[in-house]
Amino acid sequence: VFNILGPLANPAGVTRQVLGVADENLMQPIAEALKLLGTQYAMVVHSEGLDEISTAAVTKIAELKDGRIISKKLNPEDLGMKPTTVEELKVTDAKSSANVLRGIMSGKEAGACKDIVVLNAAAAIIVGDLADDFESAIKLAEASVSNGKAQACLEKLIEVSNSG
């Protein structure tokens, strides 16, 4: 429940966001709620039970922009991403998840997990108005990894998280 209510009740006044839902039936109601809350631009995403954009299936997107909600589908194969299975994306615990993320951000990890991180980052890049489409946004996300900016951002997040 918090995964749904948290982003909707964010006290920071977020006006742009990518929000994943594990239940496809929640996509439209959440997009409508975001609209009522004054959200400028959002993507509510769902991919075969996953609450994120995935390479394991076509991702459904309820895109809220300029007060309109449009349903879209994103096929990762159309973007040059190799299809995968949900099993290939699973990690066993928080430590292995952190290690995979560090590997992705440092440019050492490739494959299905990296593709998903890049796709979800691309959605955030689009919602942030830094790119107009997934092709351009993917290039920006991949450049952020290769130039070290993603790694620096992760390290800063870790530092801030551990200081409080």
C-alpha atoms as a PDB file:
ATOM      1  CA  VAL A   1       0.000   0.000   0.000  1.00  0.00           C
ATOM      2  CA  PHE A   2       2.828   2.441   0.852  1.00  0.00           C
ATOM      3  CA  ASN A   3       4.349   1.906  -2.602  1.00  0.00           C
ATOM      4  CA  ILE A   4       1.175   3.454  -3.989  1.00  0.00           C
ATOM      5  CA  LEU A   5       0.279   6.023  -1.330  1.00  0.00           C
ATOM      6  CA  GLY A   6       3.847   7.213  -0.703  1.00  0.00           C
ATOM      7  CA  PRO A   7       4.412   8.752  -4.139  1.00  0.00           C
ATOM      8  CA  LEU A   8       0.897  10.225  -4.169  1.00  0.00           C
ATOM      9  CA  ALA A   9       1.302  11.830  -0.731  1.00  0.00           C
ATOM     10  CA  ASN A  10       4.887  13.023  -1.202  1.00  0.00           C
ATOM     11  CA  PRO A  11       5.219  16.217   0.872  1.00  0.00           C
ATOM     12  CA  ALA A  12       8.005  17.496  -1.399  1.00  0.00           C
ATOM     13  CA  GLY A  13       5.458  18.614  -3.990  1.00  0.00           C
ATOM     14  CA  VAL A  14       6.878  16.484  -6.792  1.00  0.00           C
ATOM     15  CA  THR A  15       5.386  17.525 -10.140  1.00  0.00           C
ATOM     16  CA  ARG A  16       7.168  14.977 -12.358  1.00  0.00           C
ATOM     17  CA  GLN A  17       7.703  11.301 -11.688  1.00  0.00           C
ATOM     18  CA  VAL A  18       7.884   7.761 -12.961  1.00  0.00           C
ATOM     19  CA  LEU A  19       5.738   5.515 -10.802  1.00  0.00           C
ATOM     20  CA  GLY A  20       5.615   1.743 -11.164  1.00  0.00           C
ATOM     21  CA  VAL A  21       2.665  -0.429 -10.181  1.00  0.00           C
ATOM     22  CA  ALA A  22       2.612  -4.220  -9.907  1.00  0.00           C
ATOM     23  CA  ASP A  23      -1.124  -4.349 -10.681  1.00  0.00           C
ATOM     24  CA  GLU A  24      -2.096  -3.214 -14.168  1.00  0.00           C
ATOM     25  CA  ASN A  25      -5.576  -2.270 -12.914  1.00  0.00           C
ATOM     26  CA  LEU A  26      -4.051   0.517 -10.805  1.00  0.00           C
ATOM     27  CA  MET A  27      -2.441   2.322 -13.726  1.00  0.00           C
ATOM     28  CA  GLN A  28      -5.364   4.493 -14.794  1.00  0.00           C
ATOM     29  CA  PRO A  29      -6.613   5.351 -11.282  1.00  0.00           C
ATOM     30  CA  ILE A  30      -3.116   6.382 -10.197  1.00  0.00           C
ATOM     31  CA  ALA A  31      -2.626   8.463 -13.340  1.00  0.00           C
ATOM     32  CA  GLU A  32      -5.980  10.143 -12.625  1.00  0.00           C
ATOM     33  CA  ALA A  33      -4.962  10.795  -9.004  1.00  0.00           C
ATOM     34  CA  LEU A  34      -1.665  12.319 -10.149  1.00  0.00           C
ATOM     35  CA  LYS A  35      -3.612  14.543 -12.532  1.00  0.00           C
ATOM     36  CA  LEU A  36      -5.882  15.733  -9.704  1.00  0.00           C
ATOM     37  CA  LEU A  37      -2.797  16.423  -7.571  1.00  0.00           C
ATOM     38  CA  GLY A  38      -1.445  18.783 -10.236  1.00  0.00           C
ATOM     39  CA  THR A  39       1.328  16.582 -11.583  1.00  0.00           C
ATOM     40  CA  GLN A  40       2.804  18.110 -14.744  1.00  0.00           C
ATOM     41  CA  TYR A  41       4.302  14.968 -16.254  1.00  0.00           C
ATOM     42  CA  ALA A  42       4.256  11.358 -15.098  1.00  0.00           C
ATOM     43  CA  MET A  43       4.569   7.866 -16.425  1.00  0.00           C
ATOM     44  CA  VAL A  44       2.752   5.125 -14.537  1.00  0.00           C
ATOM     45  CA  VAL A  45       4.374   1.879 -15.685  1.00  0.00           C
ATOM     46  CA  HIS A  46       3.603  -1.836 -15.424  1.00  0.00           C
ATOM     47  CA  SER A  47       5.243  -4.855 -17.008  1.00  0.00           C
ATOM     48  CA  GLU A  48       3.736  -8.309 -16.415  1.00  0.00           C
ATOM     49  CA  GLY A  49       3.472  -8.029 -12.643  1.00  0.00           C
ATOM     50  CA  LEU A  50       6.573  -5.869 -12.272  1.00  0.00           C
ATOM     51  CA  ASP A  51       6.345  -2.306 -11.017  1.00  0.00           C
ATOM     52  CA  GLU A  52       8.925  -1.011 -13.471  1.00  0.00           C
ATOM     53  CA  ILE A  53       9.838  -0.926 -17.134  1.00  0.00           C
ATOM     54  CA  SER A  54      11.158  -4.350 -18.045  1.00  0.00           C
ATOM     55  CA  THR A  55      12.906  -6.246 -20.808  1.00  0.00           C
ATOM     56  CA  ALA A  56      10.950  -9.371 -19.822  1.00  0.00           C
ATOM     57  CA  ALA A  57       7.738  -8.164 -21.480  1.00  0.00           C
ATOM     58  CA  VAL A  58       6.099  -5.234 -23.189  1.00  0.00           C
ATOM     59  CA  THR A  59       5.639  -2.426 -20.670  1.00  0.00           C
ATOM     60  CA  LYS A  60       2.326  -0.628 -20.445  1.00  0.00           C
ATOM     61  CA  ILE A  61       2.531   3.093 -19.748  1.00  0.00           C
ATOM     62  CA  ALA A  62      -0.148   5.557 -18.671  1.00  0.00           C
ATOM     63  CA  GLU A  63       1.505   8.838 -19.617  1.00  0.00           C
ATOM     64  CA  LEU A  64       0.160  11.999 -17.988  1.00  0.00           C
ATOM     65  CA  LYS A  65       1.320  15.099 -19.796  1.00  0.00           C
ATOM     66  CA  ASP A  66      -0.310  18.494 -20.226  1.00  0.00           C
ATOM     67  CA  GLY A  67      -3.400  17.312 -18.348  1.00  0.00           C
ATOM     68  CA  ARG A  68      -4.017  14.370 -20.689  1.00  0.00           C
ATOM     69  CA  ILE A  69      -3.529  10.684 -19.989  1.00  0.00           C
ATOM     70  CA  ILE A  70      -2.468   8.543 -22.927  1.00  0.00           C
ATOM     71  CA  SER A  71      -1.995   4.766 -22.854  1.00  0.00           C
ATOM     72  CA  LYS A  72       1.162   3.534 -24.550  1.00  0.00           C
ATOM     73  CA  LYS A  73       3.169   0.355 -24.886  1.00  0.00           C
ATOM     74  CA  LEU A  74       6.932   0.060 -24.875  1.00  0.00           C
ATOM     75  CA  ASN A  75       8.561  -2.975 -26.465  1.00  0.00           C
ATOM     76  CA  PRO A  76      12.218  -3.179 -25.411  1.00  0.00           C
ATOM     77  CA  GLU A  77      13.090  -5.068 -28.592  1.00  0.00           C
ATOM     78  CA  ASP A  78      12.071  -1.991 -30.618  1.00  0.00           C
ATOM     79  CA  LEU A  79      14.814  -0.127 -28.746  1.00  0.00           C
ATOM     80  CA  GLY A  80      17.479  -2.739 -29.442  1.00  0.00           C
ATOM     81  CA  MET A  81      17.230  -4.377 -26.024  1.00  0.00           C
ATOM     82  CA  LYS A  82      17.561  -8.137 -25.787  1.00  0.00           C
ATOM     83  CA  PRO A  83      14.433  -9.815 -24.396  1.00  0.00           C
ATOM     84  CA  THR A  84      14.935 -11.555 -21.066  1.00  0.00           C
ATOM     85  CA  THR A  85      13.011 -13.439 -18.416  1.00  0.00           C
ATOM     86  CA  VAL A  86      11.952 -12.276 -14.975  1.00  0.00           C
ATOM     87  CA  GLU A  87      14.207 -14.995 -13.540  1.00  0.00           C
ATOM     88  CA  GLU A  88      17.271 -13.332 -15.096  1.00  0.00           C
ATOM     89  CA  LEU A  89      16.390 -10.122 -13.260  1.00  0.00           C
ATOM     90  CA  LYS A  90      16.002 -11.595  -9.779  1.00  0.00           C
ATOM     91  CA  VAL A  91      18.534 -11.036  -7.036  1.00  0.00           C
ATOM     92  CA  THR A  92      18.619 -13.056  -3.844  1.00  0.00           C
ATOM     93  CA  ASP A  93      19.025 -10.340  -1.225  1.00  0.00           C
ATOM     94  CA  ALA A  94      19.735  -6.671  -0.593  1.00  0.00           C
ATOM     95  CA  LYS A  95      23.513  -7.165  -0.636  1.00  0.00           C
ATOM     96  CA  SER A  96      23.523  -8.827  -4.058  1.00  0.00           C
ATOM     97  CA  SER A  97      21.128  -6.166  -5.334  1.00  0.00           C
ATOM     98  CA  ALA A  98      23.501  -3.446  -4.121  1.00  0.00           C
ATOM     99  CA  ASN A  99      26.430  -5.214  -5.776  1.00  0.00           C
ATOM    100  CA  VAL A 100      24.574  -5.452  -9.087  1.00  0.00           C
ATOM    101  CA  LEU A 101      23.646  -1.766  -8.902  1.00  0.00           C
ATOM    102  CA  ARG A 102      27.231  -0.778  -8.136  1.00  0.00           C
ATOM    103  CA  GLY A 103      28.387  -2.880 -11.085  1.00  0.00           C
ATOM    104  CA  ILE A 104      25.894  -1.202 -13.405  1.00  0.00           C
ATOM    105  CA  MET A 105      26.746   2.315 -12.262  1.00  0.00           C
ATOM    106  CA  SER A 106      30.482   1.687 -12.549  1.00  0.00           C
ATOM    107  CA  GLY A 107      30.069   0.318 -16.076  1.00  0.00           C
ATOM    108  CA  LYS A 108      31.259  -3.176 -15.117  1.00  0.00           C
ATOM    109  CA  GLU A 109      27.850  -4.874 -15.232  1.00  0.00           C
ATOM    110  CA  ALA A 110      26.119  -5.514 -18.544  1.00  0.00           C
ATOM    111  CA  GLY A 111      23.099  -7.523 -19.587  1.00  0.00           C
ATOM    112  CA  ALA A 112      19.494  -7.694 -18.489  1.00  0.00           C
ATOM    113  CA  CYS A 113      19.835  -5.844 -15.180  1.00  0.00           C
ATOM    114  CA  LYS A 114      21.726  -2.985 -16.810  1.00  0.00           C
ATOM    115  CA  ASP A 115      19.124  -2.764 -19.581  1.00  0.00           C
ATOM    116  CA  ILE A 116      16.315  -2.388 -17.043  1.00  0.00           C
ATOM    117  CA  VAL A 117      18.165   0.317 -15.130  1.00  0.00           C
ATOM    118  CA  VAL A 118      18.842   2.164 -18.395  1.00  0.00           C
ATOM    119  CA  LEU A 119      15.193   1.883 -19.521  1.00  0.00           C
ATOM    120  CA  ASN A 120      13.853   3.179 -16.205  1.00  0.00           C
ATOM    121  CA  ALA A 121      16.430   5.967 -16.124  1.00  0.00           C
ATOM    122  CA  ALA A 122      15.401   6.835 -19.689  1.00  0.00           C
ATOM    123  CA  ALA A 123      11.778   7.206 -18.555  1.00  0.00           C
ATOM    124  CA  ALA A 124      12.896   9.600 -15.800  1.00  0.00           C
ATOM    125  CA  ILE A 125      14.993  11.534 -18.318  1.00  0.00           C
ATOM    126  CA  ILE A 126      11.944  11.932 -20.571  1.00  0.00           C
ATOM    127  CA  VAL A 127       9.674  12.964 -17.679  1.00  0.00           C
ATOM    128  CA  GLY A 128      12.345  15.463 -16.648  1.00  0.00           C
ATOM    129  CA  ASP A 129      12.182  16.981 -20.162  1.00  0.00           C
ATOM    130  CA  LEU A 130      15.815  16.164 -20.920  1.00  0.00           C
ATOM    131  CA  ALA A 131      14.852  14.034 -23.943  1.00  0.00           C
ATOM    132  CA  ASP A 132      11.785  13.650 -26.147  1.00  0.00           C
ATOM    133  CA  ASP A 133      11.871   9.897 -26.748  1.00  0.00           C
ATOM    134  CA  PHE A 134      13.271   6.653 -25.388  1.00  0.00           C
ATOM    135  CA  GLU A 135      15.976   6.382 -28.047  1.00  0.00           C
ATOM    136  CA  SER A 136      17.500   9.744 -27.080  1.00  0.00           C
ATOM    137  CA  ALA A 137      16.967   9.172 -23.371  1.00  0.00           C
ATOM    138  CA  ILE A 138      18.682   5.767 -23.494  1.00  0.00           C
ATOM    139  CA  LYS A 139      21.746   7.410 -25.042  1.00  0.00           C
ATOM    140  CA  LEU A 140      21.801   9.968 -22.210  1.00  0.00           C
ATOM    141  CA  ALA A 141      21.406   7.261 -19.556  1.00  0.00           C
ATOM    142  CA  GLU A 142      24.188   5.162 -21.063  1.00  0.00           C
ATOM    143  CA  ALA A 143      26.439   8.229 -21.349  1.00  0.00           C
ATOM    144  CA  SER A 144      25.857   8.932 -17.651  1.00  0.00           C
ATOM    145  CA  VAL A 145      27.240   5.483 -16.857  1.00  0.00           C
ATOM    146  CA  SER A 146      30.203   5.707 -19.235  1.00  0.00           C
ATOM    147  CA  ASN A 147      31.283   9.192 -18.103  1.00  0.00           C
ATOM    148  CA  GLY A 148      31.089   8.298 -14.403  1.00  0.00           C
ATOM    149  CA  LYS A 149      28.202  10.611 -13.497  1.00  0.00           C
ATOM    150  CA  ALA A 150      25.912   7.715 -12.538  1.00  0.00           C
ATOM    151  CA  GLN A 151      28.591   6.269 -10.253  1.00  0.00           C
ATOM    152  CA  ALA A 152      29.235   9.663  -8.628  1.00  0.00           C
ATOM    153  CA  CYS A 153      25.500  10.124  -8.059  1.00  0.00           C
ATOM    154  CA  LEU A 154      25.201   6.680  -6.468  1.00  0.00           C
ATOM    155  CA  GLU A 155      28.169   7.361  -4.180  1.00  0.00           C
ATOM    156  CA  LYS A 156      26.630  10.684  -3.101  1.00  0.00           C
ATOM    157  CA  LEU A 157      23.308   8.963  -2.372  1.00  0.00           C
ATOM    158  CA  ILE A 158      25.094   6.327  -0.287  1.00  0.00           C
ATOM    159  CA  GLU A 159      26.981   9.038   1.601  1.00  0.00           C
ATOM    160  CA  VAL A 160      23.828  11.032   2.350  1.00  0.00           C
ATOM    161  CA  SER A 161      21.891   7.892   3.331  1.00  0.00           C
ATOM    162  CA  ASN A 162      24.594   6.803   5.765  1.00  0.00           C
ATOM    163  CA  SER A 163      25.074  10.227   7.355  1.00  0.00           C
ATOM    164  CA  GLY A 164      21.640  10.575   8.889  1.00  0.00           C
END
